[in-house]
Amino acid sequence: MTSMTKGAVPPRPRVAFADTSGRYFPMLVALFVGVMLISNITGTKGVVLFDDWLHLDLGPFHLNGLVTDGAFYLFPLAYVLGDVISEVYGFRAMRRTIFAGFAVLLLASLCFWLTIELPAADFYEGQEAFRTVAGVVPQFLLAGLLGYLVGEFLNSIVLVKMKERTGERRLWARLISSTVVGEFADTLVFCSIAATALGISTWSDFWNYTIIGFVWKTLVELVVMPVTYAFVGWLKRAEPSYQEALRAGNDSVTEVP
């Protein structure tokens, strides 16, 4: 048995990722893109929860109900899926997924705009309602796309970088850390740009909207972490290429974003 030279840096764990040619990767991409598309539509509605009893004053921070948007119950799933894809398939696979989602969101916005501008039939009475719900507000579009890109990229980079250091160990730390960084960046970027379009006009409501959104999304990931753990474990076992990479101890798939 050879001993490690005193003061030498121990080698990093060898990192395994599955091949994206497996049958599960396209399903995860489709689900991720679908969640992002639905969230960007439902997120245009401003929502206040518990405003009849939840009131708190802490210096400049005034809480009068929970100010959020209509995607609060769905959007965290996008980060859970991003964690799964990054953990099992790596940063390059998640980067492709992010760009696919970006392209679909742009296409959806273009289609909504074109449909609204088409002349309505005489018998169609929902033109203004359709415009209100599906109308492309440049401020929302910019906020959603920038928040999405910044948040998802940071989420994936943090998770993969941590995996390069810890290997298969400490998945919980990767999930929490990447979510905190990604969700905070996403929420801050989106809220900073979209707040006024939602009708938020005071700093109190802005910080309420931003902080509550960030805390809520992070808590959701913590609550569903046992499910995420179980699904990641199952997916790693179900993907033959992941198991082959583990058995071979091959670090040639280690990625540096």
Protein backbone atom coordinates (compact mmCIF):
# COMPACT_ATOMS: atom_id res chain seq x y z
CA MET A 1 0.00 0.00 0.00
CA THR A 2 1.41 3.33 -1.02
CA SER A 3 0.95 6.37 1.15
CA MET A 4 -0.03 9.78 -0.15
CA THR A 5 2.74 12.33 -0.15
CA LYS A 6 2.36 14.76 2.69
CA GLY A 7 0.70 17.94 1.54
CA ALA A 8 -0.47 16.43 -1.76
CA VAL A 9 -3.97 17.33 -2.94
CA PRO A 10 -6.21 14.23 -3.04
CA PRO A 11 -7.60 13.44 -6.50
CA ARG A 12 -11.14 14.48 -7.23
CA PRO A 13 -13.77 11.75 -7.38
CA ARG A 14 -14.42 10.37 -10.84
CA VAL A 15 -17.71 11.72 -12.13
CA ALA A 16 -20.28 9.73 -14.09
CA PHE A 17 -23.04 11.02 -16.37
CA ALA A 18 -25.53 9.14 -18.51
CA ASP A 19 -25.63 9.34 -22.29
CA THR A 20 -28.44 11.55 -23.63
CA SER A 21 -29.31 8.89 -26.20
CA GLY A 22 -31.20 7.01 -23.47
CA ARG A 23 -34.98 6.85 -23.70
CA TYR A 24 -35.67 8.91 -20.55
CA PHE A 25 -33.80 12.08 -21.48
CA PRO A 26 -36.26 13.24 -24.20
CA MET A 27 -39.16 12.70 -21.78
CA LEU A 28 -37.50 14.87 -19.14
CA VAL A 29 -36.75 17.60 -21.68
CA ALA A 30 -40.36 17.59 -22.88
CA LEU A 31 -41.65 17.82 -19.31
CA PHE A 32 -39.20 20.60 -18.44
CA VAL A 33 -40.14 22.67 -21.49
CA GLY A 34 -43.84 22.10 -20.83
CA VAL A 35 -43.53 23.27 -17.23
CA MET A 36 -41.64 26.39 -18.30
CA LEU A 37 -44.22 27.21 -20.99
CA ILE A 38 -47.20 26.80 -18.65
CA SER A 39 -45.45 28.74 -15.87
CA ASN A 40 -44.75 31.69 -18.14
CA ILE A 41 -48.45 31.94 -18.99
CA THR A 42 -49.87 31.43 -15.51
CA GLY A 43 -47.15 33.64 -14.00
CA THR A 44 -48.62 36.76 -15.60
CA LYS A 45 -51.40 36.80 -13.00
CA GLY A 46 -50.66 38.58 -9.74
CA VAL A 47 -51.88 36.67 -6.69
CA VAL A 48 -52.24 37.57 -3.02
CA LEU A 49 -52.72 34.74 -0.53
CA PHE A 50 -53.88 34.95 3.10
CA ASP A 51 -54.37 38.73 2.95
CA ASP A 52 -57.28 38.49 5.41
CA TRP A 53 -55.09 37.46 8.35
CA LEU A 54 -51.38 37.54 7.46
CA HIS A 55 -50.01 40.96 8.44
CA LEU A 56 -46.50 41.73 9.66
CA ASP A 57 -44.44 44.91 10.01
CA LEU A 58 -40.67 44.66 10.36
CA GLY A 59 -39.11 48.07 9.76
CA PRO A 60 -39.35 48.80 6.03
CA PHE A 61 -40.75 45.32 5.35
CA HIS A 62 -44.55 45.21 5.48
CA LEU A 63 -46.28 41.89 4.90
CA ASN A 64 -49.94 42.14 3.96
CA GLY A 65 -50.66 38.68 2.65
CA LEU A 66 -48.31 36.69 0.42
CA VAL A 67 -47.76 38.51 -2.86
CA THR A 68 -46.89 36.03 -5.59
CA ASP A 69 -47.98 35.03 -9.09
CA GLY A 70 -50.12 32.34 -10.67
CA ALA A 71 -47.17 30.01 -11.29
CA PHE A 72 -46.13 29.71 -7.64
CA TYR A 73 -47.33 26.10 -7.34
CA LEU A 74 -45.76 24.88 -10.61
CA PHE A 75 -42.56 26.80 -11.29
CA PRO A 76 -40.45 25.05 -8.60
CA LEU A 77 -40.91 21.80 -10.55
CA ALA A 78 -38.75 23.28 -13.33
CA TYR A 79 -35.81 23.50 -10.92
CA VAL A 80 -36.41 19.98 -9.63
CA LEU A 81 -36.29 18.72 -13.23
CA GLY A 82 -33.22 20.86 -13.88
CA ASP A 83 -31.51 19.25 -10.89
CA VAL A 84 -32.38 15.76 -12.12
CA ILE A 85 -31.12 16.40 -15.65
CA SER A 86 -27.90 18.06 -14.42
CA GLU A 87 -27.18 15.33 -11.88
CA VAL A 88 -27.77 12.39 -14.20
CA TYR A 89 -26.88 13.74 -17.65
CA GLY A 90 -24.49 16.62 -16.95
CA PHE A 91 -24.18 20.30 -17.79
CA ARG A 92 -24.02 19.92 -21.56
CA ALA A 93 -27.32 18.04 -21.56
CA MET A 94 -28.92 20.68 -19.34
CA ARG A 95 -27.56 23.44 -21.55
CA ARG A 96 -29.30 21.85 -24.55
CA THR A 97 -32.48 21.60 -22.49
CA ILE A 98 -32.30 25.26 -21.48
CA PHE A 99 -31.83 26.38 -25.09
CA ALA A 100 -34.72 24.16 -26.19
CA GLY A 101 -36.94 25.75 -23.57
CA PHE A 102 -35.79 29.22 -24.60
CA ALA A 103 -36.65 28.53 -28.24
CA VAL A 104 -40.11 27.19 -27.35
CA LEU A 105 -40.86 30.20 -25.14
CA LEU A 106 -39.90 32.57 -27.95
CA LEU A 107 -41.99 30.60 -30.46
CA ALA A 108 -44.97 30.60 -28.10
CA SER A 109 -44.70 34.37 -27.64
CA LEU A 110 -44.57 34.90 -31.40
CA CYS A 111 -47.59 32.65 -31.97
CA PHE A 112 -49.60 34.42 -29.24
CA TRP A 113 -48.78 37.79 -30.77
CA LEU A 114 -49.69 36.69 -34.31
CA THR A 115 -52.95 35.09 -33.14
CA ILE A 116 -53.97 38.24 -31.29
CA GLU A 117 -53.25 40.40 -34.35
CA LEU A 118 -55.30 38.20 -36.68
CA PRO A 119 -58.72 39.78 -37.39
CA ALA A 120 -61.37 38.31 -35.09
CA ALA A 121 -64.52 36.79 -36.56
CA ASP A 122 -67.79 38.62 -35.97
CA PHE A 123 -69.10 35.78 -33.82
CA TYR A 124 -65.96 35.61 -31.65
CA GLU A 125 -66.49 37.46 -28.38
CA GLY A 126 -63.29 36.57 -26.56
CA GLN A 127 -60.79 38.81 -28.35
CA GLU A 128 -60.08 41.14 -25.45
CA ALA A 129 -60.03 38.30 -22.93
CA PHE A 130 -57.58 36.40 -25.13
CA ARG A 131 -55.45 39.52 -25.52
CA THR A 132 -55.40 40.03 -21.74
CA VAL A 133 -54.36 36.46 -20.94
CA ALA A 134 -52.08 35.56 -23.86
CA GLY A 135 -50.92 38.98 -24.94
CA VAL A 136 -47.17 39.36 -25.21
CA VAL A 137 -46.09 42.04 -22.78
CA PRO A 138 -42.47 42.87 -23.68
CA GLN A 139 -41.65 43.50 -20.03
CA PHE A 140 -42.92 40.06 -18.98
CA LEU A 141 -41.22 38.37 -21.91
CA LEU A 142 -37.87 39.97 -21.12
CA ALA A 143 -38.21 39.23 -17.40
CA GLY A 144 -39.18 35.61 -17.96
CA LEU A 145 -36.49 34.85 -20.52
CA LEU A 146 -33.64 36.55 -18.64
CA GLY A 147 -34.66 35.10 -15.28
CA TYR A 148 -34.98 31.67 -16.85
CA LEU A 149 -31.58 31.76 -18.53
CA VAL A 150 -29.67 33.14 -15.54
CA GLY A 151 -31.38 30.95 -12.95
CA GLU A 152 -31.27 27.64 -14.81
CA PHE A 153 -27.67 28.06 -15.96
CA LEU A 154 -26.48 28.90 -12.44
CA ASN A 155 -28.52 26.03 -10.98
CA SER A 156 -26.91 23.53 -13.34
CA ILE A 157 -23.36 24.91 -13.07
CA VAL A 158 -23.40 24.88 -9.26
CA LEU A 159 -24.74 21.32 -9.12
CA VAL A 160 -22.28 19.90 -11.66
CA LYS A 161 -19.29 21.73 -10.16
CA MET A 162 -20.15 20.34 -6.72
CA LYS A 163 -20.56 16.86 -8.17
CA GLU A 164 -17.09 17.09 -9.68
CA ARG A 165 -15.78 17.57 -6.14
CA THR A 166 -17.95 15.08 -4.26
CA GLY A 167 -18.76 12.38 -6.81
CA GLU A 168 -21.86 10.39 -5.90
CA ARG A 169 -21.81 11.60 -2.29
CA ARG A 170 -23.76 14.52 -0.77
CA LEU A 171 -26.53 14.77 -3.32
CA TRP A 172 -28.57 16.66 -0.72
CA ALA A 173 -25.94 19.41 -0.57
CA ARG A 174 -25.90 19.75 -4.35
CA LEU A 175 -29.68 19.96 -4.57
CA ILE A 176 -29.98 22.59 -1.85
CA SER A 177 -27.02 24.73 -2.92
CA SER A 178 -27.90 24.78 -6.61
CA THR A 179 -31.53 25.60 -5.84
CA VAL A 180 -30.66 28.47 -3.51
CA VAL A 181 -28.33 30.05 -6.08
CA GLY A 182 -30.50 29.42 -9.13
CA GLU A 183 -33.85 30.31 -7.57
CA PHE A 184 -32.49 33.48 -5.98
CA ALA A 185 -30.98 34.71 -9.24
CA ASP A 186 -34.09 33.80 -11.23
CA THR A 187 -36.49 35.40 -8.75
CA LEU A 188 -34.45 38.58 -8.38
CA VAL A 189 -34.02 39.08 -12.14
CA PHE A 190 -37.66 38.32 -12.95
CA CYS A 191 -39.15 40.39 -10.14
CA SER A 192 -36.88 43.36 -10.81
CA ILE A 193 -38.04 43.55 -14.42
CA ALA A 194 -41.67 42.36 -14.17
CA ALA A 195 -42.81 43.92 -10.89
CA THR A 196 -44.20 47.15 -12.35
CA ALA A 197 -46.02 45.28 -15.12
CA LEU A 198 -47.76 43.22 -12.44
CA GLY A 199 -48.90 46.41 -10.73
CA ILE A 200 -46.35 46.33 -7.90
CA SER A 201 -45.55 49.95 -7.13
CA THR A 202 -44.03 50.00 -3.62
CA TRP A 203 -40.73 48.69 -2.28
CA SER A 204 -42.64 46.80 0.39
CA ASP A 205 -44.65 44.84 -2.18
CA PHE A 206 -41.54 44.33 -4.31
CA TRP A 207 -39.50 42.78 -1.50
CA ASN A 208 -42.55 40.84 -0.37
CA TYR A 209 -42.97 39.45 -3.90
CA THR A 210 -39.25 38.72 -4.30
CA ILE A 211 -38.43 37.26 -0.89
CA ILE A 212 -41.62 35.25 -0.54
CA GLY A 213 -41.15 33.87 -4.05
CA PHE A 214 -37.58 32.82 -3.35
CA VAL A 215 -38.35 31.30 0.05
CA TRP A 216 -41.39 29.48 -1.29
CA LYS A 217 -39.55 27.93 -4.25
CA THR A 218 -36.67 26.84 -2.02
CA LEU A 219 -39.00 25.31 0.56
CA VAL A 220 -40.81 23.38 -2.14
CA GLU A 221 -37.55 21.77 -3.22
CA LEU A 222 -36.74 20.85 0.37
CA VAL A 223 -40.18 19.29 0.83
CA VAL A 224 -39.96 17.23 -2.35
CA MET A 225 -36.28 16.31 -1.85
CA PRO A 226 -37.08 12.72 -0.75
CA VAL A 227 -38.99 12.27 -4.02
CA THR A 228 -36.13 13.87 -5.97
CA TYR A 229 -33.65 11.56 -4.24
CA ALA A 230 -35.72 8.50 -5.07
CA PHE A 231 -36.23 9.54 -8.68
CA VAL A 232 -32.54 10.37 -9.24
CA GLY A 233 -31.55 7.01 -7.75
CA TRP A 234 -34.04 5.15 -9.94
CA LEU A 235 -32.97 7.04 -13.06
CA LYS A 236 -29.29 6.33 -12.45
CA ARG A 237 -30.09 2.63 -12.14
CA ALA A 238 -32.38 2.68 -15.16
CA GLU A 239 -29.84 4.35 -17.47
CA PRO A 240 -27.35 1.66 -18.62
CA SER A 241 -24.80 4.26 -19.71
CA TYR A 242 -24.72 5.74 -16.20
CA GLN A 243 -24.03 2.36 -14.66
CA GLU A 244 -21.35 1.68 -17.25
CA ALA A 245 -19.64 4.99 -16.43
CA LEU A 246 -19.68 4.13 -12.74
CA ARG A 247 -18.26 0.66 -13.28
CA ALA A 248 -15.58 1.87 -15.64
CA GLY A 249 -14.56 4.70 -13.34
CA ASN A 250 -14.22 6.77 -16.48
CA ASP A 251 -13.79 10.49 -15.83
CA SER A 252 -13.64 11.43 -19.47
CA VAL A 253 -17.25 12.59 -19.21
CA THR A 254 -16.43 15.06 -16.47
CA GLU A 255 -17.52 18.44 -17.78
CA VAL A 256 -16.29 21.92 -17.10
CA PRO A 257 -18.93 24.51 -18.02
